[in-house]
Amino acid sequence: MKRTSKERTKAQTADTKRLATEPTSASTDAWRGFKPGLWQRDVNVRWFIQQNYAPYEGDGSFLAPATERTKGIWKKLEALFVESARKACSIFQ
């Protein structure tokens, strides 16, 4: 028996809900170390961040130096910053 479009959509929605609620090894490992709470059943970004945020108090020694490409882009942006500031000042004159 062939299902209608509406029946297929309903079945897909049910499958999606089932998969979303069934924990898998990969999904549970990805969230290890986070405090349990509202985020496990609702989308609550503010709460999640407030509960799991920890300020970084180290220095930037772990960062890689800027690549030549990044330096080139930054040089172009610096010129645009100057131009933008000049235009902003001219608006108020």
C-alpha atoms as a PDB file:
ATOM      1  CA  MET A   1       0.000   0.000   0.000  1.00  0.00           C
ATOM      2  CA  LYS A   2       1.425   3.343  -1.042  1.00  0.00           C
ATOM      3  CA  ARG A   3       1.515   6.096   1.611  1.00  0.00           C
ATOM      4  CA  THR A   4       0.306   9.600   0.917  1.00  0.00           C
ATOM      5  CA  SER A   5       2.602  12.607   1.242  1.00  0.00           C
ATOM      6  CA  LYS A   6       0.901  13.515   4.524  1.00  0.00           C
ATOM      7  CA  GLU A   7       1.439   9.978   5.896  1.00  0.00           C
ATOM      8  CA  ARG A   8       5.115  10.010   4.852  1.00  0.00           C
ATOM      9  CA  THR A   9       5.633  13.389   6.548  1.00  0.00           C
ATOM     10  CA  LYS A  10       3.961  12.118   9.717  1.00  0.00           C
ATOM     11  CA  ALA A  11       6.160   8.989   9.722  1.00  0.00           C
ATOM     12  CA  GLN A  12       9.317  11.056   9.124  1.00  0.00           C
ATOM     13  CA  THR A  13       8.385  13.393  11.980  1.00  0.00           C
ATOM     14  CA  ALA A  14       7.843  10.425  14.294  1.00  0.00           C
ATOM     15  CA  ASP A  15      11.213   8.948  13.262  1.00  0.00           C
ATOM     16  CA  THR A  16      12.944  12.276  13.853  1.00  0.00           C
ATOM     17  CA  LYS A  17      11.399  12.635  17.314  1.00  0.00           C
ATOM     18  CA  ARG A  18      12.357   9.067  18.186  1.00  0.00           C
ATOM     19  CA  LEU A  19      15.948   9.548  17.031  1.00  0.00           C
ATOM     20  CA  ALA A  20      16.230  12.866  18.847  1.00  0.00           C
ATOM     21  CA  THR A  21      15.236  11.301  22.155  1.00  0.00           C
ATOM     22  CA  GLU A  22      17.290   8.110  21.891  1.00  0.00           C
ATOM     23  CA  PRO A  23      20.773   8.761  23.278  1.00  0.00           C
ATOM     24  CA  THR A  24      23.619   7.302  21.284  1.00  0.00           C
ATOM     25  CA  SER A  25      27.164   6.711  22.423  1.00  0.00           C
ATOM     26  CA  ALA A  26      28.438   9.537  20.223  1.00  0.00           C
ATOM     27  CA  SER A  27      25.781  11.992  21.379  1.00  0.00           C
ATOM     28  CA  THR A  28      26.285  11.269  25.060  1.00  0.00           C
ATOM     29  CA  ASP A  29      30.080  11.491  24.761  1.00  0.00           C
ATOM     30  CA  ALA A  30      29.822  14.859  23.027  1.00  0.00           C
ATOM     31  CA  TRP A  31      28.063  16.380  26.045  1.00  0.00           C
ATOM     32  CA  ARG A  32      30.162  14.768  28.767  1.00  0.00           C
ATOM     33  CA  GLY A  33      31.277  17.360  31.313  1.00  0.00           C
ATOM     34  CA  PHE A  34      28.347  19.726  30.804  1.00  0.00           C
ATOM     35  CA  LYS A  35      25.962  20.326  33.680  1.00  0.00           C
ATOM     36  CA  PRO A  36      22.605  18.594  33.209  1.00  0.00           C
ATOM     37  CA  GLY A  37      19.521  20.757  32.999  1.00  0.00           C
ATOM     38  CA  LEU A  38      16.965  22.465  30.776  1.00  0.00           C
ATOM     39  CA  TRP A  39      19.144  22.239  27.653  1.00  0.00           C
ATOM     40  CA  GLN A  40      18.609  18.490  27.566  1.00  0.00           C
ATOM     41  CA  ARG A  41      14.929  18.918  26.692  1.00  0.00           C
ATOM     42  CA  ASP A  42      14.567  22.539  25.552  1.00  0.00           C
ATOM     43  CA  VAL A  43      16.559  24.963  23.445  1.00  0.00           C
ATOM     44  CA  ASN A  44      17.776  27.336  26.141  1.00  0.00           C
ATOM     45  CA  VAL A  45      21.078  28.807  25.027  1.00  0.00           C
ATOM     46  CA  ARG A  46      21.192  31.499  27.710  1.00  0.00           C
ATOM     47  CA  TRP A  47      20.773  28.993  30.524  1.00  0.00           C
ATOM     48  CA  PHE A  48      23.283  26.581  28.963  1.00  0.00           C
ATOM     49  CA  ILE A  49      25.958  29.263  28.662  1.00  0.00           C
ATOM     50  CA  GLN A  50      25.369  30.584  32.167  1.00  0.00           C
ATOM     51  CA  GLN A  51      25.709  27.100  33.612  1.00  0.00           C
ATOM     52  CA  ASN A  52      28.737  25.974  31.593  1.00  0.00           C
ATOM     53  CA  TYR A  53      30.769  29.148  31.013  1.00  0.00           C
ATOM     54  CA  ALA A  54      34.178  29.328  32.631  1.00  0.00           C
ATOM     55  CA  PRO A  55      36.422  32.343  31.977  1.00  0.00           C
ATOM     56  CA  TYR A  56      39.759  31.607  30.334  1.00  0.00           C
ATOM     57  CA  GLU A  57      42.528  33.042  32.473  1.00  0.00           C
ATOM     58  CA  GLY A  58      45.512  31.896  30.462  1.00  0.00           C
ATOM     59  CA  ASP A  59      47.438  33.760  27.809  1.00  0.00           C
ATOM     60  CA  GLY A  60      47.435  33.496  24.041  1.00  0.00           C
ATOM     61  CA  SER A  61      50.490  31.238  23.808  1.00  0.00           C
ATOM     62  CA  PHE A  62      48.359  28.398  22.427  1.00  0.00           C
ATOM     63  CA  LEU A  63      47.417  30.462  19.361  1.00  0.00           C
ATOM     64  CA  ALA A  64      49.173  29.923  16.044  1.00  0.00           C
ATOM     65  CA  PRO A  65      50.706  32.997  14.427  1.00  0.00           C
ATOM     66  CA  ALA A  66      48.742  34.736  11.673  1.00  0.00           C
ATOM     67  CA  THR A  67      49.246  33.313   8.189  1.00  0.00           C
ATOM     68  CA  GLU A  68      50.360  35.463   5.251  1.00  0.00           C
ATOM     69  CA  ARG A  69      46.810  35.315   3.902  1.00  0.00           C
ATOM     70  CA  THR A  70      45.408  36.587   7.209  1.00  0.00           C
ATOM     71  CA  LYS A  71      48.001  39.359   7.318  1.00  0.00           C
ATOM     72  CA  GLY A  72      47.036  40.420   3.784  1.00  0.00           C
ATOM     73  CA  ILE A  73      43.339  40.509   4.629  1.00  0.00           C
ATOM     74  CA  TRP A  74      44.043  42.451   7.823  1.00  0.00           C
ATOM     75  CA  LYS A  75      46.083  45.024   5.874  1.00  0.00           C
ATOM     76  CA  LYS A  76      43.112  45.585   3.539  1.00  0.00           C
ATOM     77  CA  LEU A  77      40.755  45.861   6.506  1.00  0.00           C
ATOM     78  CA  GLU A  78      42.948  48.450   8.238  1.00  0.00           C
ATOM     79  CA  ALA A  79      42.623  50.707   5.190  1.00  0.00           C
ATOM     80  CA  LEU A  80      38.850  50.190   5.240  1.00  0.00           C
ATOM     81  CA  PHE A  81      38.712  51.024   8.959  1.00  0.00           C
ATOM     82  CA  VAL A  82      40.410  54.354   8.277  1.00  0.00           C
ATOM     83  CA  GLU A  83      38.045  55.092   5.393  1.00  0.00           C
ATOM     84  CA  SER A  84      35.006  54.124   7.485  1.00  0.00           C
ATOM     85  CA  ALA A  85      36.097  56.370  10.364  1.00  0.00           C
ATOM     86  CA  ARG A  86      36.697  59.261   7.942  1.00  0.00           C
ATOM     87  CA  LYS A  87      33.209  58.835   6.440  1.00  0.00           C
ATOM     88  CA  ALA A  88      31.613  58.598   9.893  1.00  0.00           C
ATOM     89  CA  CYS A  89      33.318  61.844  10.960  1.00  0.00           C
ATOM     90  CA  SER A  90      32.192  63.626   7.784  1.00  0.00           C
ATOM     91  CA  ILE A  91      28.556  62.787   8.558  1.00  0.00           C
ATOM     92  CA  PHE A  92      28.694  64.766  11.787  1.00  0.00           C
ATOM     93  CA  GLN A  93      30.394  67.852  10.324  1.00  0.00           C
END
